[in-house]
Amino acid sequence: MNFKDPRMVFIRTFTFLSLLALLLLGFTSCKKGYVDRFGPFYILNDTTVVVNGDMGSRVDNQFDKLMNQYPNIKLLIMEECPGSRDDEELFKAASMVKENSINTHLPPYAVIESGAVDLFLAGTIRTMEVGAKIGVHAWSDGSKSATDYPVGHGEHQIYIDYYMSVGYSQEDAEALYYFIINAAPPNDIHYLTEEEILEYNILTP
């Protein structure tokens, strides 16, 4: 008779289950319902990305890889986005949004804050639903905040230049920027009113 060694059966079973677990982990590395993920960018389909989470220092590389693999993306749906850790890298990602004529949208449960607002502003068409919140405040480098520098100081220029790059005139870019940094200190947040959203052209006509 041919008796199976129970130890070998256990080892083979354990190996199979381990491989199955790794395979399932690969399939579930994205949130349910998404086909791929690049940092805070979740691919919903060939034309739509859902943005969730804060954006780190690799956000430009993540978005570049996303566009290389999904070149037909035309819409960013931004949900819960608390901001960015590196504004310069965020601006690079946002420039790709602008260059590719991608639209941005806020569903009714969206909350975008700080640097995430800058990403939203890169949208060719910018829309939001009732209930969505847009939060702004002064930036900080850890030792100084934006309002520690006088109007016209060179530290402000990168932000003003960015707003101009996404379509604001110099006058409107400066008005928006100085409003943002005076709206709330770095450790607080100010959510835009309907009047402020209109005044500063946060949405496209």
C-alpha atoms as a PDB file:
ATOM      1  CA  MET A   1       0.000   0.000   0.000  1.00  0.00           C
ATOM      2  CA  ASN A   2       1.110   3.614  -0.670  1.00  0.00           C
ATOM      3  CA  PHE A   3       0.726   5.652   2.544  1.00  0.00           C
ATOM      4  CA  LYS A   4       1.137   9.425   2.332  1.00  0.00           C
ATOM      5  CA  ASP A   5       3.351  11.055   4.921  1.00  0.00           C
ATOM      6  CA  PRO A   6       0.984  13.448   6.817  1.00  0.00           C
ATOM      7  CA  ARG A   7       3.867  15.885   7.215  1.00  0.00           C
ATOM      8  CA  MET A   8       4.249  16.161   3.433  1.00  0.00           C
ATOM      9  CA  VAL A   9       0.500  16.678   3.038  1.00  0.00           C
ATOM     10  CA  PHE A  10       0.660  19.498   5.608  1.00  0.00           C
ATOM     11  CA  ILE A  11       3.643  21.152   3.905  1.00  0.00           C
ATOM     12  CA  ARG A  12       2.016  20.997   0.469  1.00  0.00           C
ATOM     13  CA  THR A  13      -1.271  22.318   1.835  1.00  0.00           C
ATOM     14  CA  PHE A  14       0.487  25.133   3.699  1.00  0.00           C
ATOM     15  CA  THR A  15       2.483  26.071   0.585  1.00  0.00           C
ATOM     16  CA  PHE A  16      -0.664  26.139  -1.560  1.00  0.00           C
ATOM     17  CA  LEU A  17      -2.539  28.285   0.960  1.00  0.00           C
ATOM     18  CA  SER A  18       0.406  30.675   1.252  1.00  0.00           C
ATOM     19  CA  LEU A  19       0.565  31.123  -2.522  1.00  0.00           C
ATOM     20  CA  LEU A  20      -3.197  31.616  -2.644  1.00  0.00           C
ATOM     21  CA  ALA A  21      -2.992  34.284   0.073  1.00  0.00           C
ATOM     22  CA  LEU A  22      -0.269  36.155  -1.827  1.00  0.00           C
ATOM     23  CA  LEU A  23      -2.326  35.982  -5.009  1.00  0.00           C
ATOM     24  CA  LEU A  24      -5.400  37.333  -3.257  1.00  0.00           C
ATOM     25  CA  LEU A  25      -3.325  40.092  -1.663  1.00  0.00           C
ATOM     26  CA  GLY A  26      -2.221  41.184  -5.120  1.00  0.00           C
ATOM     27  CA  PHE A  27      -5.811  41.382  -6.292  1.00  0.00           C
ATOM     28  CA  THR A  28      -6.972  43.302  -3.223  1.00  0.00           C
ATOM     29  CA  SER A  29      -4.112  45.822  -2.938  1.00  0.00           C
ATOM     30  CA  CYS A  30      -6.496  48.422  -4.354  1.00  0.00           C
ATOM     31  CA  LYS A  31      -9.693  49.488  -2.706  1.00  0.00           C
ATOM     32  CA  LYS A  32     -12.667  47.441  -3.783  1.00  0.00           C
ATOM     33  CA  GLY A  33     -14.013  48.615  -7.125  1.00  0.00           C
ATOM     34  CA  TYR A  34     -10.740  50.074  -8.448  1.00  0.00           C
ATOM     35  CA  VAL A  35      -8.561  48.482 -11.101  1.00  0.00           C
ATOM     36  CA  ASP A  36      -5.226  50.044 -10.133  1.00  0.00           C
ATOM     37  CA  ARG A  37      -3.586  52.433  -7.699  1.00  0.00           C
ATOM     38  CA  PHE A  38      -0.734  54.940  -7.730  1.00  0.00           C
ATOM     39  CA  GLY A  39      -0.330  56.416  -4.236  1.00  0.00           C
ATOM     40  CA  PRO A  40      -3.472  58.476  -3.535  1.00  0.00           C
ATOM     41  CA  PHE A  41      -4.716  57.980  -7.110  1.00  0.00           C
ATOM     42  CA  TYR A  42      -7.181  55.125  -7.620  1.00  0.00           C
ATOM     43  CA  ILE A  43      -8.081  54.118 -11.173  1.00  0.00           C
ATOM     44  CA  LEU A  44     -11.841  53.762 -11.533  1.00  0.00           C
ATOM     45  CA  ASN A  45     -11.741  53.136 -15.286  1.00  0.00           C
ATOM     46  CA  ASP A  46      -9.746  54.182 -18.361  1.00  0.00           C
ATOM     47  CA  THR A  47     -10.883  57.803 -18.104  1.00  0.00           C
ATOM     48  CA  THR A  48     -11.498  58.412 -14.389  1.00  0.00           C
ATOM     49  CA  VAL A  49      -9.308  58.615 -11.285  1.00  0.00           C
ATOM     50  CA  VAL A  50     -10.523  58.906  -7.693  1.00  0.00           C
ATOM     51  CA  VAL A  51      -8.158  60.805  -5.375  1.00  0.00           C
ATOM     52  CA  ASN A  52      -8.085  59.856  -1.691  1.00  0.00           C
ATOM     53  CA  GLY A  53      -5.476  60.631   0.957  1.00  0.00           C
ATOM     54  CA  ASP A  54      -2.643  63.100   1.294  1.00  0.00           C
ATOM     55  CA  MET A  55       0.029  63.564  -1.348  1.00  0.00           C
ATOM     56  CA  GLY A  56       3.661  62.935  -0.476  1.00  0.00           C
ATOM     57  CA  SER A  57       6.998  63.771  -2.051  1.00  0.00           C
ATOM     58  CA  ARG A  58       6.516  61.110  -4.759  1.00  0.00           C
ATOM     59  CA  VAL A  59       3.196  62.461  -6.007  1.00  0.00           C
ATOM     60  CA  ASP A  60       4.660  63.709  -9.304  1.00  0.00           C
ATOM     61  CA  ASN A  61       6.251  60.321 -10.060  1.00  0.00           C
ATOM     62  CA  GLN A  62       3.046  58.537  -9.110  1.00  0.00           C
ATOM     63  CA  PHE A  63       0.957  60.698 -11.412  1.00  0.00           C
ATOM     64  CA  ASP A  64       3.486  60.381 -14.229  1.00  0.00           C
ATOM     65  CA  LYS A  65       3.333  56.565 -14.016  1.00  0.00           C
ATOM     66  CA  LEU A  66      -0.445  56.765 -13.913  1.00  0.00           C
ATOM     67  CA  MET A  67      -0.583  58.809 -17.123  1.00  0.00           C
ATOM     68  CA  ASN A  68       1.895  56.519 -18.875  1.00  0.00           C
ATOM     69  CA  GLN A  69      -0.301  53.502 -18.174  1.00  0.00           C
ATOM     70  CA  TYR A  70      -3.669  55.252 -18.497  1.00  0.00           C
ATOM     71  CA  PRO A  71      -3.173  58.024 -21.075  1.00  0.00           C
ATOM     72  CA  ASN A  72      -6.911  58.575 -21.610  1.00  0.00           C
ATOM     73  CA  ILE A  73      -7.626  59.876 -18.105  1.00  0.00           C
ATOM     74  CA  LYS A  74      -9.915  62.909 -18.322  1.00  0.00           C
ATOM     75  CA  LEU A  75     -11.425  63.273 -14.832  1.00  0.00           C
ATOM     76  CA  LEU A  76     -10.156  63.431 -11.251  1.00  0.00           C
ATOM     77  CA  ILE A  77     -12.837  62.886  -8.615  1.00  0.00           C
ATOM     78  CA  MET A  78     -11.373  64.208  -5.376  1.00  0.00           C
ATOM     79  CA  GLU A  79     -12.845  62.798  -2.164  1.00  0.00           C
ATOM     80  CA  GLU A  80     -10.936  63.089   1.153  1.00  0.00           C
ATOM     81  CA  CYS A  81      -7.678  64.893   0.466  1.00  0.00           C
ATOM     82  CA  PRO A  82      -6.025  66.567   3.481  1.00  0.00           C
ATOM     83  CA  GLY A  83      -3.195  68.155   1.535  1.00  0.00           C
ATOM     84  CA  SER A  84       0.385  67.663   0.385  1.00  0.00           C
ATOM     85  CA  ARG A  85       3.747  67.178   2.062  1.00  0.00           C
ATOM     86  CA  ASP A  86       5.780  68.742  -0.739  1.00  0.00           C
ATOM     87  CA  ASP A  87       4.216  71.642  -2.632  1.00  0.00           C
ATOM     88  CA  GLU A  88       6.843  71.710  -5.377  1.00  0.00           C
ATOM     89  CA  GLU A  89       6.280  68.044  -6.256  1.00  0.00           C
ATOM     90  CA  LEU A  90       2.528  68.589  -6.084  1.00  0.00           C
ATOM     91  CA  PHE A  91       2.823  71.459  -8.563  1.00  0.00           C
ATOM     92  CA  LYS A  92       4.606  69.109 -10.990  1.00  0.00           C
ATOM     93  CA  ALA A  93       1.741  66.614 -10.758  1.00  0.00           C
ATOM     94  CA  ALA A  94      -0.793  69.425 -11.110  1.00  0.00           C
ATOM     95  CA  SER A  95       0.994  70.666 -14.226  1.00  0.00           C
ATOM     96  CA  MET A  96       0.400  67.238 -15.790  1.00  0.00           C
ATOM     97  CA  VAL A  97      -3.289  67.566 -14.945  1.00  0.00           C
ATOM     98  CA  LYS A  98      -3.350  70.917 -16.738  1.00  0.00           C
ATOM     99  CA  GLU A  99      -1.290  69.758 -19.729  1.00  0.00           C
ATOM    100  CA  ASN A 100      -3.561  66.762 -20.296  1.00  0.00           C
ATOM    101  CA  SER A 101      -6.768  68.849 -20.079  1.00  0.00           C
ATOM    102  CA  ILE A 102      -8.080  66.783 -17.171  1.00  0.00           C
ATOM    103  CA  ASN A 103     -11.198  67.966 -15.344  1.00  0.00           C
ATOM    104  CA  THR A 104     -11.598  67.959 -11.556  1.00  0.00           C
ATOM    105  CA  HIS A 105     -14.771  67.303  -9.578  1.00  0.00           C
ATOM    106  CA  LEU A 106     -15.855  67.273  -5.924  1.00  0.00           C
ATOM    107  CA  PRO A 107     -18.731  64.939  -4.959  1.00  0.00           C
ATOM    108  CA  PRO A 108     -21.032  66.049  -2.101  1.00  0.00           C
ATOM    109  CA  TYR A 109     -18.996  64.237   0.580  1.00  0.00           C
ATOM    110  CA  ALA A 110     -15.619  65.595  -0.582  1.00  0.00           C
ATOM    111  CA  VAL A 111     -13.275  67.430   1.771  1.00  0.00           C
ATOM    112  CA  ILE A 112     -10.148  68.847   0.158  1.00  0.00           C
ATOM    113  CA  GLU A 113      -7.666  70.959   2.077  1.00  0.00           C
ATOM    114  CA  SER A 114      -4.396  72.825   1.700  1.00  0.00           C
ATOM    115  CA  GLY A 115      -2.298  71.554  -1.229  1.00  0.00           C
ATOM    116  CA  ALA A 116      -5.166  69.394  -2.482  1.00  0.00           C
ATOM    117  CA  VAL A 117      -6.966  72.628  -3.360  1.00  0.00           C
ATOM    118  CA  ASP A 118      -4.052  73.541  -5.629  1.00  0.00           C
ATOM    119  CA  LEU A 119      -4.409  70.194  -7.402  1.00  0.00           C
ATOM    120  CA  PHE A 120      -8.135  70.821  -7.849  1.00  0.00           C
ATOM    121  CA  LEU A 121      -7.397  74.218  -9.415  1.00  0.00           C
ATOM    122  CA  ALA A 122      -5.387  72.518 -12.178  1.00  0.00           C
ATOM    123  CA  GLY A 123      -8.601  71.094 -13.635  1.00  0.00           C
ATOM    124  CA  THR A 124      -9.637  72.381 -17.049  1.00  0.00           C
ATOM    125  CA  ILE A 125     -13.260  72.200 -15.927  1.00  0.00           C
ATOM    126  CA  ARG A 126     -13.739  72.419 -12.159  1.00  0.00           C
ATOM    127  CA  THR A 127     -17.054  71.409 -10.620  1.00  0.00           C
ATOM    128  CA  MET A 128     -18.413  70.586  -7.181  1.00  0.00           C
ATOM    129  CA  GLU A 129     -21.649  69.344  -5.665  1.00  0.00           C
ATOM    130  CA  VAL A 130     -23.495  70.824  -2.711  1.00  0.00           C
ATOM    131  CA  GLY A 131     -21.950  69.576   0.516  1.00  0.00           C
ATOM    132  CA  ALA A 132     -18.339  69.446  -0.662  1.00  0.00           C
ATOM    133  CA  LYS A 133     -15.817  71.440   1.414  1.00  0.00           C
ATOM    134  CA  ILE A 134     -12.732  73.321   0.260  1.00  0.00           C
ATOM    135  CA  GLY A 135     -10.291  74.230   3.035  1.00  0.00           C
ATOM    136  CA  VAL A 136      -7.346  76.642   2.857  1.00  0.00           C
ATOM    137  CA  HIS A 137      -4.682  78.005   5.183  1.00  0.00           C
ATOM    138  CA  ALA A 138      -1.215  79.545   5.218  1.00  0.00           C
ATOM    139  CA  TRP A 139       1.685  77.271   4.344  1.00  0.00           C
ATOM    140  CA  SER A 140       4.536  76.631   6.760  1.00  0.00           C
ATOM    141  CA  ASP A 141       8.063  75.318   6.271  1.00  0.00           C
ATOM    142  CA  GLY A 142       8.296  74.211   9.882  1.00  0.00           C
ATOM    143  CA  SER A 143       9.965  77.342  11.176  1.00  0.00           C
ATOM    144  CA  LYS A 144       8.186  80.161   9.354  1.00  0.00           C
ATOM    145  CA  SER A 145       4.743  80.544   7.858  1.00  0.00           C
ATOM    146  CA  ALA A 146       3.647  82.415   4.748  1.00  0.00           C
ATOM    147  CA  THR A 147       2.436  85.457   6.664  1.00  0.00           C
ATOM    148  CA  ASP A 148       5.868  85.938   8.249  1.00  0.00           C
ATOM    149  CA  TYR A 149       7.003  87.263   4.878  1.00  0.00           C
ATOM    150  CA  PRO A 150       5.838  90.662   3.588  1.00  0.00           C
ATOM    151  CA  VAL A 151       3.714  91.054   0.485  1.00  0.00           C
ATOM    152  CA  GLY A 152       5.953  90.875  -2.581  1.00  0.00           C
ATOM    153  CA  HIS A 153       8.629  88.718  -0.909  1.00  0.00           C
ATOM    154  CA  GLY A 154      10.250  86.092  -3.111  1.00  0.00           C
ATOM    155  CA  GLU A 155       8.981  83.234  -0.932  1.00  0.00           C
ATOM    156  CA  HIS A 156       5.476  83.895  -2.235  1.00  0.00           C
ATOM    157  CA  GLN A 157       6.321  83.796  -5.927  1.00  0.00           C
ATOM    158  CA  ILE A 158       6.271  80.024  -6.523  1.00  0.00           C
ATOM    159  CA  TYR A 159       2.617  79.937  -5.480  1.00  0.00           C
ATOM    160  CA  ILE A 160       1.603  82.970  -7.507  1.00  0.00           C
ATOM    161  CA  ASP A 161       3.414  81.549 -10.535  1.00  0.00           C
ATOM    162  CA  TYR A 162       1.574  78.267 -10.065  1.00  0.00           C
ATOM    163  CA  TYR A 163      -1.844  79.932 -10.044  1.00  0.00           C
ATOM    164  CA  MET A 164      -0.900  81.818 -13.192  1.00  0.00           C
ATOM    165  CA  SER A 165       0.186  78.539 -14.820  1.00  0.00           C
ATOM    166  CA  VAL A 166      -3.284  77.050 -14.341  1.00  0.00           C
ATOM    167  CA  GLY A 167      -5.039  80.025 -15.906  1.00  0.00           C
ATOM    168  CA  TYR A 168      -5.282  82.907 -13.429  1.00  0.00           C
ATOM    169  CA  SER A 169      -4.148  86.366 -14.455  1.00  0.00           C
ATOM    170  CA  GLN A 170      -1.337  87.818 -12.350  1.00  0.00           C
ATOM    171  CA  GLU A 171      -3.789  90.079 -10.540  1.00  0.00           C
ATOM    172  CA  ASP A 172      -6.204  87.232  -9.794  1.00  0.00           C
ATOM    173  CA  ALA A 173      -3.379  84.864  -8.846  1.00  0.00           C
ATOM    174  CA  GLU A 174      -2.045  87.341  -6.301  1.00  0.00           C
ATOM    175  CA  ALA A 175      -5.534  88.022  -4.938  1.00  0.00           C
ATOM    176  CA  LEU A 176      -6.222  84.304  -4.503  1.00  0.00           C
ATOM    177  CA  TYR A 177      -2.840  83.575  -2.937  1.00  0.00           C
ATOM    178  CA  TYR A 178      -2.913  86.383  -0.384  1.00  0.00           C
ATOM    179  CA  PHE A 179      -6.493  85.530   0.495  1.00  0.00           C
ATOM    180  CA  ILE A 180      -5.498  81.904   1.140  1.00  0.00           C
ATOM    181  CA  ILE A 181      -2.532  82.642   3.384  1.00  0.00           C
ATOM    182  CA  ASN A 182      -4.511  85.135   5.450  1.00  0.00           C
ATOM    183  CA  ALA A 183      -7.632  82.977   5.720  1.00  0.00           C
ATOM    184  CA  ALA A 184      -6.209  80.763   8.491  1.00  0.00           C
ATOM    185  CA  PRO A 185      -2.850  80.025  10.161  1.00  0.00           C
ATOM    186  CA  PRO A 186      -0.969  76.797   9.315  1.00  0.00           C
ATOM    187  CA  ASN A 187      -2.452  74.901  12.272  1.00  0.00           C
ATOM    188  CA  ASP A 188      -6.032  75.828  11.384  1.00  0.00           C
ATOM    189  CA  ILE A 189      -8.267  75.656   8.322  1.00  0.00           C
ATOM    190  CA  HIS A 190     -10.821  77.936   6.687  1.00  0.00           C
ATOM    191  CA  TYR A 191     -13.556  76.414   4.549  1.00  0.00           C
ATOM    192  CA  LEU A 192     -14.560  78.607   1.654  1.00  0.00           C
ATOM    193  CA  THR A 193     -18.000  80.145   1.594  1.00  0.00           C
ATOM    194  CA  GLU A 194     -20.115  80.170  -1.554  1.00  0.00           C
ATOM    195  CA  GLU A 195     -19.259  83.841  -1.997  1.00  0.00           C
ATOM    196  CA  GLU A 196     -15.515  83.165  -1.744  1.00  0.00           C
ATOM    197  CA  ILE A 197     -15.755  80.288  -4.210  1.00  0.00           C
ATOM    198  CA  LEU A 198     -17.347  82.684  -6.691  1.00  0.00           C
ATOM    199  CA  GLU A 199     -15.054  85.618  -5.939  1.00  0.00           C
ATOM    200  CA  TYR A 200     -11.847  83.653  -6.440  1.00  0.00           C
ATOM    201  CA  ASN A 201     -12.999  81.634  -9.470  1.00  0.00           C
ATOM    202  CA  ILE A 202     -12.508  78.285  -7.754  1.00  0.00           C
ATOM    203  CA  LEU A 203     -15.007  76.703 -10.156  1.00  0.00           C
ATOM    204  CA  THR A 204     -15.087  77.214 -13.897  1.00  0.00           C
ATOM    205  CA  PRO A 205     -18.077  79.057 -15.395  1.00  0.00           C
END
